[in-house]
């Protein structure tokens, strides 16, 4: 939905292929959305870097939802090789569903192409 300097807002539309038994959006879908949004936020500060990869990720789940999910990712810290992020996942009406922190490694200079 939006990309800024060190930020990304993304939406996961609700659908039957994304739910777990009980009808709420499955945890792996939430983590995938958080990973995508965080990766875009990382690239917004690092540029398009081949081989940027997550090296650590922690998810805390608070509530479930049977509707669209909004991810709001932001870069917390950018070092030379590591970028720390936080992503908050919300139900469409604004309820906090989960919080995901992730650290991404950037390749060493000359180790991967920049585009």
N, C-alpha and C. Protein backbone atom coordinates (compact mmCIF):
# COMPACT_ATOMS: atom_id res chain seq x y z
N UNK A 1 0.80 -1.20 0.00
CA UNK A 1 0.00 0.00 0.00
C UNK A 1 0.84 1.26 0.00
N UNK A 2 2.02 1.24 0.72
CA UNK A 2 2.87 2.44 0.75
C UNK A 2 4.29 2.05 1.14
N UNK A 3 5.24 2.76 0.55
CA UNK A 3 6.66 2.58 0.87
C UNK A 3 7.24 3.96 1.15
N UNK A 4 7.97 4.07 2.27
CA UNK A 4 8.65 5.31 2.61
C UNK A 4 10.09 4.99 2.96
N UNK A 5 10.82 5.99 3.39
CA UNK A 5 12.21 5.79 3.80
C UNK A 5 12.23 4.96 5.08
N UNK A 6 12.57 3.69 4.97
CA UNK A 6 12.63 2.81 6.13
C UNK A 6 11.28 2.28 6.59
N UNK A 7 10.25 2.41 5.76
CA UNK A 7 8.93 1.93 6.13
C UNK A 7 8.23 1.23 4.98
N UNK A 8 7.27 0.39 5.33
CA UNK A 8 6.42 -0.25 4.33
C UNK A 8 5.09 -0.58 4.99
N UNK A 9 4.01 -0.31 4.29
CA UNK A 9 2.67 -0.72 4.72
C UNK A 9 2.12 -1.63 3.63
N UNK A 10 1.74 -2.85 4.05
CA UNK A 10 1.25 -3.85 3.10
C UNK A 10 -0.03 -4.48 3.64
N UNK A 11 -0.83 -5.03 2.75
CA UNK A 11 -2.11 -5.64 3.11
C UNK A 11 -2.16 -7.08 2.60
N UNK A 12 -2.69 -7.96 3.44
CA UNK A 12 -2.98 -9.34 3.05
C UNK A 12 -4.49 -9.47 3.01
N UNK A 13 -5.08 -9.61 1.81
CA UNK A 13 -6.53 -9.77 1.73
C UNK A 13 -6.96 -11.11 2.34
N UNK A 14 -8.07 -11.09 3.03
CA UNK A 14 -8.60 -12.31 3.64
C UNK A 14 -9.09 -13.24 2.54
N UNK A 15 -8.89 -14.53 2.72
CA UNK A 15 -9.37 -15.51 1.75
C UNK A 15 -9.30 -16.91 2.33
N UNK A 16 -10.08 -17.83 1.79
CA UNK A 16 -10.16 -19.19 2.34
C UNK A 16 -8.84 -19.96 2.31
N UNK A 17 -7.94 -19.63 1.42
CA UNK A 17 -6.66 -20.34 1.36
C UNK A 17 -5.66 -19.86 2.41
N UNK A 18 -6.03 -18.83 3.17
CA UNK A 18 -5.12 -18.24 4.16
C UNK A 18 -5.55 -18.50 5.60
N UNK A 19 -6.58 -19.33 5.79
CA UNK A 19 -7.10 -19.53 7.14
C UNK A 19 -6.69 -20.88 7.73
N UNK A 20 -6.75 -20.93 9.05
CA UNK A 20 -6.49 -22.14 9.81
C UNK A 20 -7.83 -22.68 10.27
N UNK A 21 -7.87 -23.90 10.82
CA UNK A 21 -9.13 -24.38 11.39
C UNK A 21 -9.64 -23.36 12.42
N UNK A 22 -10.89 -23.06 12.36
CA UNK A 22 -11.47 -22.03 13.21
C UNK A 22 -11.75 -20.76 12.44
N UNK A 23 -11.20 -20.65 11.22
CA UNK A 23 -11.54 -19.55 10.34
C UNK A 23 -10.72 -18.28 10.45
N UNK A 24 -9.65 -18.28 11.27
CA UNK A 24 -8.82 -17.08 11.37
C UNK A 24 -7.60 -17.22 10.46
N UNK A 25 -6.99 -16.09 10.15
CA UNK A 25 -5.80 -16.09 9.29
C UNK A 25 -4.70 -16.90 9.99
N UNK A 26 -4.07 -17.79 9.25
CA UNK A 26 -3.04 -18.69 9.78
C UNK A 26 -1.77 -17.93 10.15
N UNK A 27 -1.11 -18.37 11.22
CA UNK A 27 0.13 -17.77 11.68
C UNK A 27 1.20 -17.68 10.60
N UNK A 28 1.42 -18.76 9.81
CA UNK A 28 2.43 -18.65 8.75
C UNK A 28 2.12 -17.56 7.72
N UNK A 29 0.84 -17.29 7.49
CA UNK A 29 0.46 -16.20 6.59
C UNK A 29 0.83 -14.85 7.19
N UNK A 30 0.61 -14.70 8.50
CA UNK A 30 0.97 -13.46 9.18
C UNK A 30 2.47 -13.23 9.13
N UNK A 31 3.24 -14.28 9.39
CA UNK A 31 4.70 -14.16 9.37
C UNK A 31 5.19 -13.85 7.95
N UNK A 32 4.58 -14.46 6.95
CA UNK A 32 4.97 -14.18 5.57
C UNK A 32 4.71 -12.71 5.22
N UNK A 33 3.56 -12.19 5.64
CA UNK A 33 3.26 -10.78 5.39
C UNK A 33 4.26 -9.87 6.09
N UNK A 34 4.57 -10.19 7.35
CA UNK A 34 5.55 -9.39 8.11
C UNK A 34 6.91 -9.44 7.45
N UNK A 35 7.32 -10.61 6.99
CA UNK A 35 8.62 -10.76 6.32
C UNK A 35 8.68 -9.93 5.05
N UNK A 36 7.62 -9.98 4.27
CA UNK A 36 7.57 -9.20 3.04
C UNK A 36 7.69 -7.70 3.33
N UNK A 37 6.87 -7.21 4.26
CA UNK A 37 6.88 -5.78 4.57
C UNK A 37 8.23 -5.34 5.12
N UNK A 38 8.83 -6.14 6.00
CA UNK A 38 10.14 -5.79 6.56
C UNK A 38 11.21 -5.77 5.46
N UNK A 39 11.16 -6.74 4.57
CA UNK A 39 12.14 -6.81 3.47
C UNK A 39 12.05 -5.56 2.59
N UNK A 40 10.84 -5.14 2.28
CA UNK A 40 10.66 -3.93 1.48
C UNK A 40 11.20 -2.71 2.23
N UNK A 41 10.94 -2.64 3.54
CA UNK A 41 11.47 -1.53 4.34
C UNK A 41 13.00 -1.53 4.32
N UNK A 42 13.60 -2.71 4.42
CA UNK A 42 15.07 -2.83 4.37
C UNK A 42 15.59 -2.32 3.03
N UNK A 43 14.97 -2.75 1.94
CA UNK A 43 15.43 -2.32 0.62
C UNK A 43 15.23 -0.83 0.42
N UNK A 44 14.27 -0.24 1.12
CA UNK A 44 14.04 1.21 0.98
C UNK A 44 15.20 2.02 1.56
N UNK A 45 15.98 1.44 2.47
CA UNK A 45 17.14 2.15 3.01
C UNK A 45 18.46 1.63 2.45
N UNK A 46 18.50 0.38 2.00
CA UNK A 46 19.75 -0.21 1.53
C UNK A 46 19.86 -0.20 0.01
N UNK A 47 18.78 0.11 -0.69
CA UNK A 47 18.78 0.00 -2.13
C UNK A 47 18.46 -1.43 -2.51
N UNK A 48 18.31 -1.68 -3.78
CA UNK A 48 18.00 -3.03 -4.23
C UNK A 48 19.27 -3.86 -4.17
N UNK A 49 19.35 -4.74 -3.19
CA UNK A 49 20.54 -5.54 -2.95
C UNK A 49 20.20 -7.01 -3.12
N UNK A 50 20.89 -7.67 -4.04
CA UNK A 50 20.71 -9.12 -4.17
C UNK A 50 21.23 -9.80 -2.91
N UNK A 51 20.59 -10.83 -2.49
CA UNK A 51 21.03 -11.69 -1.39
C UNK A 51 20.88 -11.10 0.00
N UNK A 52 20.16 -10.00 0.18
CA UNK A 52 19.83 -9.57 1.54
C UNK A 52 18.95 -10.67 2.13
N UNK A 53 19.23 -11.09 3.36
CA UNK A 53 18.52 -12.24 3.92
C UNK A 53 18.25 -12.05 5.41
N UNK A 54 17.12 -12.60 5.85
CA UNK A 54 16.80 -12.56 7.27
C UNK A 54 17.72 -13.54 8.01
N UNK A 55 18.26 -13.08 9.14
CA UNK A 55 19.13 -13.94 9.96
C UNK A 55 18.50 -14.24 11.31
N UNK A 56 17.49 -13.47 11.69
CA UNK A 56 16.82 -13.69 12.96
C UNK A 56 15.41 -13.11 12.85
N UNK A 57 14.43 -13.85 13.40
CA UNK A 57 13.05 -13.37 13.35
C UNK A 57 12.28 -13.93 14.54
N UNK A 58 11.52 -13.07 15.21
CA UNK A 58 10.69 -13.48 16.34
C UNK A 58 9.30 -12.91 16.16
N UNK A 59 8.29 -13.76 16.33
CA UNK A 59 6.91 -13.32 16.20
C UNK A 59 6.17 -13.52 17.52
N UNK A 60 5.41 -12.51 17.91
CA UNK A 60 4.53 -12.57 19.07
C UNK A 60 3.11 -12.38 18.58
N UNK A 61 2.26 -13.38 18.82
CA UNK A 61 0.88 -13.33 18.36
C UNK A 61 -0.03 -12.96 19.52
N UNK A 62 -0.97 -12.03 19.29
CA UNK A 62 -1.85 -11.55 20.34
C UNK A 62 -3.31 -11.94 20.11
N UNK A 63 -3.79 -11.79 18.89
CA UNK A 63 -5.19 -12.08 18.57
C UNK A 63 -5.28 -12.63 17.16
N UNK A 64 -6.41 -13.24 16.85
CA UNK A 64 -6.68 -13.72 15.51
C UNK A 64 -7.67 -12.80 14.82
N UNK A 65 -7.79 -12.97 13.51
CA UNK A 65 -8.76 -12.20 12.75
C UNK A 65 -9.28 -13.03 11.58
N UNK A 66 -10.51 -12.74 11.19
CA UNK A 66 -11.11 -13.35 10.01
C UNK A 66 -11.37 -12.25 8.99
N UNK A 67 -10.34 -11.48 8.71
CA UNK A 67 -10.45 -10.37 7.75
C UNK A 67 -9.08 -9.99 7.23
N UNK A 68 -9.02 -8.92 6.46
CA UNK A 68 -7.75 -8.42 5.93
C UNK A 68 -6.79 -8.11 7.06
N UNK A 69 -5.49 -8.24 6.76
CA UNK A 69 -4.44 -7.92 7.72
C UNK A 69 -3.55 -6.84 7.13
N UNK A 70 -3.23 -5.85 7.95
CA UNK A 70 -2.35 -4.74 7.54
C UNK A 70 -1.02 -4.89 8.27
N UNK A 71 0.08 -4.80 7.53
CA UNK A 71 1.43 -4.82 8.11
C UNK A 71 2.02 -3.43 8.03
N UNK A 72 2.58 -2.98 9.15
CA UNK A 72 3.31 -1.71 9.17
C UNK A 72 4.72 -2.01 9.66
N UNK A 73 5.67 -1.99 8.72
CA UNK A 73 7.06 -2.32 9.02
C UNK A 73 7.90 -1.06 9.06
N UNK A 74 8.91 -1.09 9.92
CA UNK A 74 9.84 0.05 9.97
C UNK A 74 11.23 -0.46 10.32
N UNK A 75 12.21 0.23 9.80
CA UNK A 75 13.60 -0.07 10.12
C UNK A 75 13.92 0.59 11.45
N UNK A 76 14.42 -0.19 12.40
CA UNK A 76 14.81 0.33 13.70
C UNK A 76 16.25 0.81 13.71
N UNK A 77 17.12 0.08 13.00
CA UNK A 77 18.54 0.42 12.98
C UNK A 77 19.17 -0.15 11.72
N UNK A 78 20.00 0.66 11.07
CA UNK A 78 20.74 0.17 9.90
C UNK A 78 22.22 0.31 10.17
N UNK A 79 22.88 -0.84 10.25
CA UNK A 79 24.33 -0.84 10.36
C UNK A 79 24.94 -1.11 9.00
N UNK A 80 26.24 -1.36 8.98
CA UNK A 80 26.91 -1.63 7.70
C UNK A 80 26.43 -2.92 7.07
N UNK A 81 26.22 -3.95 7.90
CA UNK A 81 25.84 -5.27 7.37
C UNK A 81 24.51 -5.79 7.91
N UNK A 82 24.01 -5.22 9.01
CA UNK A 82 22.77 -5.69 9.60
C UNK A 82 21.73 -4.58 9.67
N UNK A 83 20.47 -4.97 9.42
CA UNK A 83 19.35 -4.02 9.50
C UNK A 83 18.29 -4.65 10.40
N UNK A 84 17.94 -3.96 11.49
CA UNK A 84 16.93 -4.44 12.43
C UNK A 84 15.59 -3.80 12.09
N UNK A 85 14.53 -4.62 12.12
CA UNK A 85 13.20 -4.14 11.77
C UNK A 85 12.17 -4.56 12.82
N UNK A 86 11.06 -3.85 12.80
CA UNK A 86 9.88 -4.24 13.58
C UNK A 86 8.67 -4.10 12.68
N UNK A 87 7.80 -5.10 12.73
CA UNK A 87 6.56 -5.05 11.96
C UNK A 87 5.40 -5.33 12.90
N UNK A 88 4.41 -4.47 12.84
CA UNK A 88 3.18 -4.69 13.60
C UNK A 88 2.07 -5.05 12.62
N UNK A 89 1.33 -6.08 12.98
CA UNK A 89 0.24 -6.56 12.15
C UNK A 89 -1.08 -6.19 12.82
N UNK A 90 -1.98 -5.61 12.03
CA UNK A 90 -3.26 -5.14 12.53
C UNK A 90 -4.40 -5.75 11.73
N UNK A 91 -5.52 -5.99 12.39
CA UNK A 91 -6.76 -6.30 11.68
C UNK A 91 -7.18 -5.02 10.97
N UNK A 92 -8.00 -5.15 9.95
CA UNK A 92 -8.41 -3.99 9.16
C UNK A 92 -9.05 -2.90 10.03
N UNK A 93 -9.73 -3.30 11.13
CA UNK A 93 -10.36 -2.29 12.00
C UNK A 93 -9.40 -1.69 13.01
N UNK A 94 -8.13 -2.15 13.02
CA UNK A 94 -7.12 -1.52 13.86
C UNK A 94 -6.64 -2.32 15.06
N UNK A 95 -7.20 -3.49 15.34
CA UNK A 95 -6.76 -4.31 16.46
C UNK A 95 -5.37 -4.87 16.20
N UNK A 96 -4.47 -4.73 17.16
CA UNK A 96 -3.12 -5.28 17.03
C UNK A 96 -3.20 -6.80 17.12
N UNK A 97 -2.69 -7.48 16.09
CA UNK A 97 -2.73 -8.94 16.01
C UNK A 97 -1.40 -9.57 16.40
N UNK A 98 -0.31 -8.97 15.97
CA UNK A 98 1.01 -9.57 16.19
C UNK A 98 2.09 -8.52 16.03
N UNK A 99 3.25 -8.84 16.58
CA UNK A 99 4.44 -7.99 16.45
C UNK A 99 5.60 -8.90 16.08
N UNK A 100 6.33 -8.53 15.04
CA UNK A 100 7.42 -9.36 14.53
C UNK A 100 8.68 -8.51 14.44
N UNK A 101 9.76 -8.98 15.05
CA UNK A 101 11.05 -8.32 14.87
C UNK A 101 11.91 -9.22 13.99
N UNK A 102 12.72 -8.60 13.17
CA UNK A 102 13.59 -9.36 12.27
C UNK A 102 14.87 -8.57 12.03
N UNK A 103 15.95 -9.30 11.87
CA UNK A 103 17.23 -8.71 11.50
C UNK A 103 17.64 -9.29 10.15
N UNK A 104 18.00 -8.40 9.25
CA UNK A 104 18.43 -8.79 7.90
C UNK A 104 19.91 -8.53 7.75
N UNK A 105 20.60 -9.44 7.07
CA UNK A 105 22.01 -9.27 6.75
C UNK A 105 22.13 -8.79 5.32
N UNK A 106 22.97 -7.79 5.13
CA UNK A 106 23.28 -7.31 3.79
C UNK A 106 24.59 -7.96 3.36
N UNK A 107 24.73 -8.29 2.08
CA UNK A 107 25.98 -8.90 1.65
C UNK A 107 27.15 -7.94 1.76
N UNK A 108 28.34 -8.51 1.90
CA UNK A 108 29.55 -7.70 1.96
C UNK A 108 29.71 -6.95 0.63
N UNK A 109 30.27 -5.74 0.67
CA UNK A 109 30.49 -5.01 -0.57
C UNK A 109 31.26 -5.89 -1.57
N UNK A 110 30.75 -5.91 -2.78
CA UNK A 110 31.38 -6.73 -3.82
C UNK A 110 30.92 -8.18 -3.78
N UNK A 111 30.19 -8.57 -2.72
CA UNK A 111 29.71 -9.94 -2.59
C UNK A 111 28.42 -10.19 -3.35
N UNK A 112 27.70 -9.14 -3.69
CA UNK A 112 26.48 -9.26 -4.45
C UNK A 112 26.29 -7.99 -5.27
N UNK A 113 25.59 -8.13 -6.35
CA UNK A 113 25.38 -6.98 -7.23
C UNK A 113 24.34 -6.05 -6.66
N UNK A 114 24.55 -4.77 -6.85
CA UNK A 114 23.51 -3.76 -6.57
C UNK A 114 22.92 -3.37 -7.90
N UNK A 115 21.63 -3.15 -7.91
CA UNK A 115 20.97 -2.73 -9.15
C UNK A 115 20.54 -1.31 -9.05
